[in-house]
C-alpha cells in the first residue's frame, strides 16, 4: 500500500502548512513620519503628520492616541471603529476623526489582497507617544 502511505504523508504536510498559515500573525502597518512641528501658539503641543500603510490583511491592536487624530484615506479601503461607535469603511478621499479620549478598537485594511494607505495628522502633547496600547 505505498499509495496510501504517500497520500497520508501528503495530508500531514498539507495540515502542517495550513496550521502554520493559521498561526501566522497578520502583517503589521508601516508608519512613516512625514512632519513634526511644535505649535508655538499652543505651549506644550505639537503636530505630527504620518502615513500609515496597511499591507493586505494588516490590522492594528486596540489603542488610543491621547491626541486629536485626523485621518485621510489615500488609497485602498480601511475599516475604523471607536469604542461605542459603529465600524466605518473608508475609501480614498474620505476622512475620519478620533479624539484624545477615544479608544480605537478597529483599524485595519478592508482587503486581504490589496494594500491601503492613509495620512494622519495628530495634534498631541510634545514628546507623547504616537500610539498607546489599550487593554
C-alpha atoms as a PDB file:
ATOM      1  CA  UNK A   1       0.000   0.000   0.000  1.00  0.00           C
ATOM      2  CA  UNK A   2       2.643   2.553  -0.933  1.00  0.00           C
ATOM      3  CA  UNK A   3      -0.017   4.834  -2.487  1.00  0.00           C
ATOM      4  CA  UNK A   4      -1.933   5.046   0.788  1.00  0.00           C
ATOM      5  CA  UNK A   5       1.217   5.851   2.748  1.00  0.00           C
ATOM      6  CA  UNK A   6       2.157   8.650   0.296  1.00  0.00           C
ATOM      7  CA  UNK A   7      -1.375  10.071   0.456  1.00  0.00           C
ATOM      8  CA  UNK A   8      -1.251  10.086   4.275  1.00  0.00           C
ATOM      9  CA  UNK A   9       2.116  11.867   4.243  1.00  0.00           C
ATOM     10  CA  UNK A  10       0.776  14.420   1.766  1.00  0.00           C
ATOM     11  CA  UNK A  11      -2.237  15.093   4.011  1.00  0.00           C
ATOM     12  CA  UNK A  12       0.033  15.561   7.027  1.00  0.00           C
ATOM     13  CA  UNK A  13       2.192  18.006   5.074  1.00  0.00           C
ATOM     14  CA  UNK A  14      -0.867  19.997   3.966  1.00  0.00           C
ATOM     15  CA  UNK A  15      -2.175  20.057   7.550  1.00  0.00           C
ATOM     16  CA  UNK A  16       1.193  21.372   8.785  1.00  0.00           C
ATOM     17  CA  UNK A  17       1.182  24.108   6.129  1.00  0.00           C
ATOM     18  CA  UNK A  18      -2.392  25.143   6.928  1.00  0.00           C
ATOM     19  CA  UNK A  19      -1.677  25.185  10.655  1.00  0.00           C
ATOM     20  CA  UNK A  20       1.339  27.409  10.043  1.00  0.00           C
ATOM     21  CA  UNK A  21      -0.752  29.805   7.974  1.00  0.00           C
ATOM     22  CA  UNK A  22      -3.458  29.939  10.633  1.00  0.00           C
ATOM     23  CA  UNK A  23      -0.893  30.654  13.355  1.00  0.00           C
ATOM     24  CA  UNK A  24       0.891  33.380  11.362  1.00  0.00           C
ATOM     25  CA  UNK A  25       0.412  36.872  12.745  1.00  0.00           C
ATOM     26  CA  UNK A  26      -1.260  39.374  10.424  1.00  0.00           C
ATOM     27  CA  UNK A  27       1.147  41.777   8.720  1.00  0.00           C
ATOM     28  CA  UNK A  28       1.892  44.971  10.605  1.00  0.00           C
ATOM     29  CA  UNK A  29       1.186  48.510   9.494  1.00  0.00           C
ATOM     30  CA  UNK A  30       4.104  50.556   8.160  1.00  0.00           C
ATOM     31  CA  UNK A  31       4.229  54.004   9.782  1.00  0.00           C
ATOM     32  CA  UNK A  32       6.315  56.785   8.211  1.00  0.00           C
ATOM     33  CA  UNK A  33       6.767  60.195   9.802  1.00  0.00           C
ATOM     34  CA  UNK A  34       6.133  62.996   7.299  1.00  0.00           C
ATOM     35  CA  UNK A  35       6.441  66.066   9.541  1.00  0.00           C
ATOM     36  CA  UNK A  36       6.705  67.108  13.173  1.00  0.00           C
ATOM     37  CA  UNK A  37       6.084  70.736  14.140  1.00  0.00           C
ATOM     38  CA  UNK A  38       5.887  72.406  17.566  1.00  0.00           C
ATOM     39  CA  UNK A  39       2.776  74.571  17.871  1.00  0.00           C
ATOM     40  CA  UNK A  40       4.132  77.758  19.449  1.00  0.00           C
ATOM     41  CA  UNK A  41       0.613  79.222  19.835  1.00  0.00           C
ATOM     42  CA  UNK A  42      -0.277  76.175  21.951  1.00  0.00           C
ATOM     43  CA  UNK A  43       2.527  75.713  24.501  1.00  0.00           C
ATOM     44  CA  UNK A  44       3.465  72.077  25.061  1.00  0.00           C
ATOM     45  CA  UNK A  45       1.638  70.877  21.932  1.00  0.00           C
ATOM     46  CA  UNK A  46       2.871  69.654  18.549  1.00  0.00           C
ATOM     47  CA  UNK A  47       1.510  68.463  15.225  1.00  0.00           C
ATOM     48  CA  UNK A  48       2.713  65.134  13.888  1.00  0.00           C
ATOM     49  CA  UNK A  49       1.903  64.005  10.357  1.00  0.00           C
ATOM     50  CA  UNK A  50       2.386  60.360   9.432  1.00  0.00           C
ATOM     51  CA  UNK A  51       1.425  57.969   6.672  1.00  0.00           C
ATOM     52  CA  UNK A  52       0.201  54.511   7.576  1.00  0.00           C
ATOM     53  CA  UNK A  53       0.408  51.729   5.017  1.00  0.00           C
ATOM     54  CA  UNK A  54      -1.610  48.600   5.649  1.00  0.00           C
ATOM     55  CA  UNK A  55      -0.374  45.580   3.694  1.00  0.00           C
ATOM     56  CA  UNK A  56      -3.204  43.220   2.696  1.00  0.00           C
ATOM     57  CA  UNK A  57      -4.788  41.811   5.855  1.00  0.00           C
ATOM     58  CA  UNK A  58      -2.979  44.197   8.227  1.00  0.00           C
ATOM     59  CA  UNK A  59      -4.668  45.321  11.441  1.00  0.00           C
ATOM     60  CA  UNK A  60      -3.773  47.490  14.426  1.00  0.00           C
ATOM     61  CA  UNK A  61      -4.060  46.419  18.058  1.00  0.00           C
ATOM     62  CA  UNK A  62      -6.661  48.165  20.219  1.00  0.00           C
ATOM     63  CA  UNK A  63      -5.101  51.507  21.153  1.00  0.00           C
ATOM     64  CA  UNK A  64      -5.520  55.212  21.817  1.00  0.00           C
ATOM     65  CA  UNK A  65      -3.508  58.229  20.760  1.00  0.00           C
ATOM     66  CA  UNK A  66      -4.121  60.837  23.506  1.00  0.00           C
ATOM     67  CA  UNK A  67      -4.358  63.224  20.552  1.00  0.00           C
ATOM     68  CA  UNK A  68      -6.768  64.748  18.107  1.00  0.00           C
ATOM     69  CA  UNK A  69      -6.363  62.466  15.077  1.00  0.00           C
ATOM     70  CA  UNK A  70      -7.434  63.488  11.587  1.00  0.00           C
ATOM     71  CA  UNK A  71      -7.303  60.624   9.077  1.00  0.00           C
ATOM     72  CA  UNK A  72      -7.449  60.986   5.287  1.00  0.00           C
ATOM     73  CA  UNK A  73      -7.504  57.863   3.096  1.00  0.00           C
ATOM     74  CA  UNK A  74      -5.084  57.965   0.158  1.00  0.00           C
ATOM     75  CA  UNK A  75      -5.527  54.511  -1.387  1.00  0.00           C
ATOM     76  CA  UNK A  76      -7.336  51.246  -0.825  1.00  0.00           C
ATOM     77  CA  UNK A  77     -10.056  50.809   1.778  1.00  0.00           C
ATOM     78  CA  UNK A  78      -9.772  50.810   5.566  1.00  0.00           C
ATOM     79  CA  UNK A  79     -12.122  49.917   8.411  1.00  0.00           C
ATOM     80  CA  UNK A  80     -12.150  52.120  11.524  1.00  0.00           C
ATOM     81  CA  UNK A  81     -14.127  51.913  14.754  1.00  0.00           C
ATOM     82  CA  UNK A  82     -14.007  53.713  18.091  1.00  0.00           C
ATOM     83  CA  UNK A  83     -15.250  52.162  21.331  1.00  0.00           C
ATOM     84  CA  UNK A  84     -19.008  52.625  21.471  1.00  0.00           C
ATOM     85  CA  UNK A  85     -19.236  53.512  17.768  1.00  0.00           C
ATOM     86  CA  UNK A  86     -20.007  51.704  14.545  1.00  0.00           C
ATOM     87  CA  UNK A  87     -17.452  50.241  12.129  1.00  0.00           C
ATOM     88  CA  UNK A  88     -16.880  52.625   9.224  1.00  0.00           C
ATOM     89  CA  UNK A  89     -15.466  51.639   5.820  1.00  0.00           C
ATOM     90  CA  UNK A  90     -13.430  54.430   4.237  1.00  0.00           C
ATOM     91  CA  UNK A  91     -12.114  54.793   0.689  1.00  0.00           C
ATOM     92  CA  UNK A  92      -9.795  57.338  -0.974  1.00  0.00           C
ATOM     93  CA  UNK A  93     -10.833  60.920  -0.299  1.00  0.00           C
ATOM     94  CA  UNK A  94     -12.784  60.078   2.868  1.00  0.00           C
ATOM     95  CA  UNK A  95     -11.782  61.132   6.376  1.00  0.00           C
ATOM     96  CA  UNK A  96     -12.148  60.006   9.984  1.00  0.00           C
ATOM     97  CA  UNK A  97     -11.618  61.721  13.354  1.00  0.00           C
ATOM     98  CA  UNK A  98     -10.703  60.362  16.742  1.00  0.00           C
ATOM     99  CA  UNK A  99     -10.360  62.421  19.910  1.00  0.00           C
ATOM    100  CA  UNK A 100      -7.844  62.294  22.753  1.00  0.00           C
ATOM    101  CA  UNK A 101     -10.146  60.176  24.937  1.00  0.00           C
ATOM    102  CA  UNK A 102     -11.275  57.756  22.226  1.00  0.00           C
ATOM    103  CA  UNK A 103     -10.209  54.115  22.199  1.00  0.00           C
ATOM    104  CA  UNK A 104      -9.543  52.890  18.668  1.00  0.00           C
ATOM    105  CA  UNK A 105     -10.956  49.360  18.718  1.00  0.00           C
ATOM    106  CA  UNK A 106     -10.718  48.598  14.970  1.00  0.00           C
ATOM    107  CA  UNK A 107      -8.139  49.846  12.484  1.00  0.00           C
ATOM    108  CA  UNK A 108      -7.486  47.529   9.562  1.00  0.00           C
ATOM    109  CA  UNK A 109      -7.185  47.057   5.847  1.00  0.00           C
ATOM    110  CA  UNK A 110     -10.565  46.095   4.398  1.00  0.00           C
ATOM    111  CA  UNK A 111      -8.822  43.923   1.787  1.00  0.00           C
ATOM    112  CA  UNK A 112      -6.909  40.668   2.082  1.00  0.00           C
ATOM    113  CA  UNK A 113      -5.378  41.201  -1.371  1.00  0.00           C
ATOM    114  CA  UNK A 114      -4.665  44.934  -1.862  1.00  0.00           C
ATOM    115  CA  UNK A 115      -2.720  47.446   0.250  1.00  0.00           C
ATOM    116  CA  UNK A 116      -4.287  50.555   1.786  1.00  0.00           C
ATOM    117  CA  UNK A 117      -2.697  53.850   2.832  1.00  0.00           C
ATOM    118  CA  UNK A 118      -3.798  56.889   4.808  1.00  0.00           C
ATOM    119  CA  UNK A 119      -2.403  60.159   6.078  1.00  0.00           C
ATOM    120  CA  UNK A 120      -2.862  61.017   9.760  1.00  0.00           C
ATOM    121  CA  UNK A 121      -2.416  64.394  11.412  1.00  0.00           C
ATOM    122  CA  UNK A 122      -2.090  64.090  15.192  1.00  0.00           C
ATOM    123  CA  UNK A 123      -2.305  67.154  17.446  1.00  0.00           C
ATOM    124  CA  UNK A 124      -0.725  65.992  20.691  1.00  0.00           C
ATOM    125  CA  UNK A 125       1.458  66.798  23.695  1.00  0.00           C
ATOM    126  CA  UNK A 126       5.111  67.345  22.756  1.00  0.00           C
ATOM    127  CA  UNK A 127       7.066  64.105  23.052  1.00  0.00           C
ATOM    128  CA  UNK A 128       3.980  61.957  23.732  1.00  0.00           C
ATOM    129  CA  UNK A 129       3.993  58.538  22.006  1.00  0.00           C
ATOM    130  CA  UNK A 130       2.072  58.167  18.751  1.00  0.00           C
ATOM    131  CA  UNK A 131       0.148  55.148  19.972  1.00  0.00           C
ATOM    132  CA  UNK A 132      -0.614  53.717  23.414  1.00  0.00           C
ATOM    133  CA  UNK A 133      -1.839  50.074  23.530  1.00  0.00           C
ATOM    134  CA  UNK A 134      -5.144  49.684  25.336  1.00  0.00           C
ATOM    135  CA  UNK A 135      -6.003  46.565  27.311  1.00  0.00           C
END
